[in-house]
């Protein structure tokens, strides 16, 4: 799994950050809410896990994302979100 700095500097992230309408669409999508719910179930305190990741300790958040990607519902939601951004 790439590190978070690489993800943020990637072409897709750069393109998304320049498109406020797409960001709003992604933020408001029901799939996004469900993904956050699933991540919270895996990570516990998702906000704390994200803060740790920002400070360089991404283990808890990475584990939650891996669990999400292994979960059939999670994988389907992520693919739907990805498809909606294209």
N, C-alpha and C. Protein backbone atom coordinates (compact mmCIF):
# COMPACT_ATOMS: atom_id res chain seq x y z
N UNK A 1 0.86 -1.18 0.00
CA UNK A 1 0.00 0.00 0.00
C UNK A 1 0.90 1.23 0.00
N UNK A 2 0.67 2.18 -0.91
CA UNK A 2 1.50 3.39 -0.94
C UNK A 2 1.32 4.22 0.32
N UNK A 3 2.33 5.01 0.63
CA UNK A 3 2.17 5.86 1.82
C UNK A 3 1.25 7.03 1.48
N UNK A 4 0.78 7.70 2.51
CA UNK A 4 -0.24 8.74 2.32
C UNK A 4 0.31 9.94 1.56
N UNK A 5 1.59 10.27 1.75
CA UNK A 5 2.18 11.38 1.00
C UNK A 5 2.14 11.09 -0.50
N UNK A 6 2.45 9.84 -0.87
CA UNK A 6 2.41 9.47 -2.28
C UNK A 6 0.99 9.59 -2.84
N UNK A 7 0.01 9.15 -2.05
CA UNK A 7 -1.38 9.26 -2.51
C UNK A 7 -1.79 10.71 -2.72
N UNK A 8 -1.42 11.57 -1.79
CA UNK A 8 -1.80 12.97 -1.89
C UNK A 8 -1.11 13.69 -3.04
N UNK A 9 0.06 13.22 -3.42
CA UNK A 9 0.81 13.86 -4.50
C UNK A 9 0.55 13.21 -5.86
N UNK A 10 -0.29 12.19 -5.88
CA UNK A 10 -0.59 11.48 -7.12
C UNK A 10 -1.40 12.31 -8.09
N UNK A 11 -1.42 11.87 -9.33
CA UNK A 11 -2.15 12.59 -10.38
C UNK A 11 -3.64 12.67 -10.10
N UNK A 12 -4.22 11.54 -9.63
CA UNK A 12 -5.66 11.53 -9.38
C UNK A 12 -6.03 12.50 -8.26
N UNK A 13 -5.23 12.49 -7.19
CA UNK A 13 -5.50 13.39 -6.06
C UNK A 13 -5.35 14.84 -6.49
N UNK A 14 -4.33 15.12 -7.28
CA UNK A 14 -4.09 16.47 -7.76
C UNK A 14 -5.26 16.96 -8.61
N UNK A 15 -5.73 16.10 -9.48
CA UNK A 15 -6.86 16.45 -10.35
C UNK A 15 -8.12 16.66 -9.51
N UNK A 16 -8.34 15.81 -8.53
CA UNK A 16 -9.51 15.94 -7.67
C UNK A 16 -9.46 17.22 -6.85
N UNK A 17 -8.31 17.57 -6.33
CA UNK A 17 -8.18 18.76 -5.49
C UNK A 17 -8.46 20.05 -6.27
N UNK A 18 -8.34 19.99 -7.59
CA UNK A 18 -8.58 21.16 -8.43
C UNK A 18 -10.03 21.24 -8.92
N UNK A 19 -10.86 20.30 -8.48
CA UNK A 19 -12.25 20.23 -8.94
C UNK A 19 -13.20 20.25 -7.74
N UNK A 20 -13.55 21.45 -7.25
CA UNK A 20 -14.41 21.54 -6.07
C UNK A 20 -15.76 20.83 -6.23
N UNK A 21 -16.31 20.85 -7.42
CA UNK A 21 -17.60 20.18 -7.64
C UNK A 21 -17.47 18.67 -7.41
N UNK A 22 -16.40 18.08 -7.91
CA UNK A 22 -16.17 16.64 -7.71
C UNK A 22 -15.94 16.34 -6.23
N UNK A 23 -15.20 17.20 -5.55
CA UNK A 23 -14.97 17.01 -4.12
C UNK A 23 -16.29 17.02 -3.34
N UNK A 24 -17.16 17.97 -3.68
CA UNK A 24 -18.47 18.04 -3.03
C UNK A 24 -19.30 16.81 -3.35
N UNK A 25 -19.26 16.38 -4.60
CA UNK A 25 -19.99 15.19 -5.01
C UNK A 25 -19.51 13.98 -4.21
N UNK A 26 -18.22 13.85 -4.07
CA UNK A 26 -17.65 12.74 -3.31
C UNK A 26 -18.01 12.85 -1.83
N UNK A 27 -17.90 14.04 -1.28
CA UNK A 27 -18.21 14.26 0.14
C UNK A 27 -19.66 13.90 0.46
N UNK A 28 -20.57 14.26 -0.44
CA UNK A 28 -22.00 14.11 -0.19
C UNK A 28 -22.57 12.75 -0.59
N UNK A 29 -21.76 11.92 -1.22
CA UNK A 29 -22.26 10.62 -1.70
C UNK A 29 -22.56 9.68 -0.54
N UNK A 30 -23.67 8.95 -0.61
CA UNK A 30 -23.98 7.98 0.45
C UNK A 30 -22.89 6.92 0.60
N UNK A 31 -22.21 6.62 -0.49
CA UNK A 31 -21.13 5.63 -0.43
C UNK A 31 -20.00 6.11 0.49
N UNK A 32 -19.74 7.41 0.45
CA UNK A 32 -18.68 7.97 1.28
C UNK A 32 -19.02 7.81 2.75
N UNK A 33 -20.25 8.10 3.11
CA UNK A 33 -20.68 7.95 4.51
C UNK A 33 -20.53 6.49 4.96
N UNK A 34 -20.93 5.57 4.09
CA UNK A 34 -20.85 4.15 4.44
C UNK A 34 -19.39 3.71 4.58
N UNK A 35 -18.52 4.19 3.71
CA UNK A 35 -17.09 3.87 3.81
C UNK A 35 -16.55 4.35 5.15
N UNK A 36 -16.90 5.57 5.55
CA UNK A 36 -16.44 6.08 6.84
C UNK A 36 -17.00 5.26 7.99
N UNK A 37 -18.24 4.81 7.87
CA UNK A 37 -18.82 3.95 8.90
C UNK A 37 -18.03 2.64 9.03
N UNK A 38 -17.72 2.04 7.89
CA UNK A 38 -16.97 0.78 7.91
C UNK A 38 -15.55 0.99 8.45
N UNK A 39 -14.92 2.10 8.06
CA UNK A 39 -13.59 2.40 8.59
C UNK A 39 -13.63 2.62 10.10
N UNK A 40 -14.66 3.27 10.57
CA UNK A 40 -14.79 3.51 12.01
C UNK A 40 -14.95 2.20 12.77
N UNK A 41 -15.67 1.27 12.17
CA UNK A 41 -15.83 -0.04 12.81
C UNK A 41 -14.49 -0.74 12.94
N UNK A 42 -13.63 -0.58 11.94
CA UNK A 42 -12.33 -1.24 11.94
C UNK A 42 -11.30 -0.51 12.80
N UNK A 43 -11.31 0.81 12.72
CA UNK A 43 -10.26 1.60 13.37
C UNK A 43 -10.64 2.06 14.76
N UNK A 44 -11.91 1.96 15.10
CA UNK A 44 -12.35 2.54 16.38
C UNK A 44 -12.53 4.03 16.20
N UNK A 45 -11.67 4.81 16.80
CA UNK A 45 -11.73 6.27 16.68
C UNK A 45 -11.02 6.67 15.39
N UNK A 46 -11.80 6.83 14.33
CA UNK A 46 -11.25 7.12 13.01
C UNK A 46 -10.49 8.44 12.99
N UNK A 47 -11.01 9.45 13.66
CA UNK A 47 -10.33 10.74 13.69
C UNK A 47 -8.96 10.63 14.36
N UNK A 48 -8.88 9.89 15.45
CA UNK A 48 -7.59 9.70 16.13
C UNK A 48 -6.63 8.93 15.24
N UNK A 49 -7.13 7.92 14.53
CA UNK A 49 -6.29 7.15 13.62
C UNK A 49 -5.76 8.05 12.50
N UNK A 50 -6.61 8.94 11.99
CA UNK A 50 -6.18 9.86 10.93
C UNK A 50 -5.13 10.84 11.46
N UNK A 51 -5.32 11.33 12.69
CA UNK A 51 -4.34 12.25 13.28
C UNK A 51 -2.99 11.56 13.47
N UNK A 52 -3.01 10.30 13.89
CA UNK A 52 -1.77 9.54 14.02
C UNK A 52 -1.09 9.40 12.66
N UNK A 53 -1.89 9.14 11.62
CA UNK A 53 -1.33 8.98 10.28
C UNK A 53 -0.66 10.26 9.82
N UNK A 54 -1.28 11.40 10.10
CA UNK A 54 -0.69 12.69 9.73
C UNK A 54 0.66 12.88 10.41
N UNK A 55 0.78 12.36 11.64
CA UNK A 55 2.02 12.50 12.40
C UNK A 55 3.04 11.41 12.09
N UNK A 56 2.69 10.53 11.14
CA UNK A 56 3.65 9.53 10.71
C UNK A 56 3.35 8.10 11.16
N UNK A 57 2.36 7.89 12.01
CA UNK A 57 2.01 6.55 12.46
C UNK A 57 0.71 6.14 11.79
N UNK A 58 0.84 5.56 10.62
CA UNK A 58 -0.34 5.22 9.82
C UNK A 58 -0.82 3.79 10.03
N UNK A 59 -0.24 3.07 10.97
CA UNK A 59 -0.55 1.64 11.14
C UNK A 59 -2.04 1.38 11.37
N UNK A 60 -2.66 2.10 12.29
CA UNK A 60 -4.06 1.86 12.61
C UNK A 60 -4.96 2.17 11.42
N UNK A 61 -4.70 3.28 10.76
CA UNK A 61 -5.52 3.66 9.61
C UNK A 61 -5.27 2.72 8.44
N UNK A 62 -4.03 2.34 8.23
CA UNK A 62 -3.70 1.41 7.15
C UNK A 62 -4.38 0.06 7.36
N UNK A 63 -4.38 -0.42 8.60
CA UNK A 63 -5.06 -1.68 8.89
C UNK A 63 -6.55 -1.58 8.60
N UNK A 64 -7.16 -0.46 8.98
CA UNK A 64 -8.59 -0.27 8.75
C UNK A 64 -8.89 -0.23 7.25
N UNK A 65 -8.03 0.42 6.48
CA UNK A 65 -8.23 0.49 5.03
C UNK A 65 -8.07 -0.89 4.40
N UNK A 66 -7.09 -1.64 4.86
CA UNK A 66 -6.90 -3.01 4.34
C UNK A 66 -8.13 -3.86 4.63
N UNK A 67 -8.67 -3.75 5.84
CA UNK A 67 -9.88 -4.50 6.17
C UNK A 67 -11.04 -4.08 5.27
N UNK A 68 -11.16 -2.80 5.03
CA UNK A 68 -12.22 -2.28 4.16
C UNK A 68 -12.08 -2.85 2.76
N UNK A 69 -10.87 -2.91 2.25
CA UNK A 69 -10.65 -3.40 0.89
C UNK A 69 -10.87 -4.91 0.77
N UNK A 70 -10.71 -5.65 1.86
CA UNK A 70 -10.97 -7.09 1.86
C UNK A 70 -12.46 -7.40 2.01
N UNK A 71 -13.19 -6.47 2.58
CA UNK A 71 -14.62 -6.66 2.78
C UNK A 71 -15.34 -6.48 1.44
N UNK A 72 -16.18 -7.44 1.03
CA UNK A 72 -16.86 -7.31 -0.27
C UNK A 72 -17.66 -6.01 -0.41
N UNK A 73 -18.36 -5.63 0.65
CA UNK A 73 -19.14 -4.39 0.60
C UNK A 73 -18.20 -3.19 0.47
N UNK A 74 -17.14 -3.18 1.25
CA UNK A 74 -16.18 -2.08 1.20
C UNK A 74 -15.54 -1.94 -0.17
N UNK A 75 -15.11 -3.06 -0.73
CA UNK A 75 -14.48 -3.03 -2.05
C UNK A 75 -15.45 -2.50 -3.11
N UNK A 76 -16.71 -2.92 -3.00
CA UNK A 76 -17.73 -2.47 -3.96
C UNK A 76 -17.97 -0.96 -3.82
N UNK A 77 -18.04 -0.48 -2.56
CA UNK A 77 -18.24 0.95 -2.33
C UNK A 77 -17.07 1.77 -2.87
N UNK A 78 -15.86 1.32 -2.62
CA UNK A 78 -14.69 2.04 -3.11
C UNK A 78 -14.67 2.10 -4.63
N UNK A 79 -15.03 1.00 -5.27
CA UNK A 79 -15.05 0.99 -6.73
C UNK A 79 -16.12 1.94 -7.25
N UNK A 80 -17.28 1.97 -6.61
CA UNK A 80 -18.34 2.88 -7.02
C UNK A 80 -17.89 4.34 -6.87
N UNK A 81 -17.21 4.64 -5.77
CA UNK A 81 -16.70 6.00 -5.57
C UNK A 81 -15.68 6.35 -6.65
N UNK A 82 -14.78 5.43 -6.92
CA UNK A 82 -13.76 5.65 -7.95
C UNK A 82 -14.40 5.89 -9.31
N UNK A 83 -15.39 5.09 -9.64
CA UNK A 83 -16.07 5.23 -10.93
C UNK A 83 -16.79 6.57 -11.04
N UNK A 84 -17.34 7.05 -9.93
CA UNK A 84 -18.08 8.31 -9.98
C UNK A 84 -17.16 9.50 -10.17
N UNK A 85 -15.88 9.34 -9.91
CA UNK A 85 -14.93 10.44 -10.06
C UNK A 85 -14.37 10.57 -11.47
N UNK A 86 -14.66 9.62 -12.32
CA UNK A 86 -14.11 9.65 -13.67
C UNK A 86 -15.01 10.36 -14.63
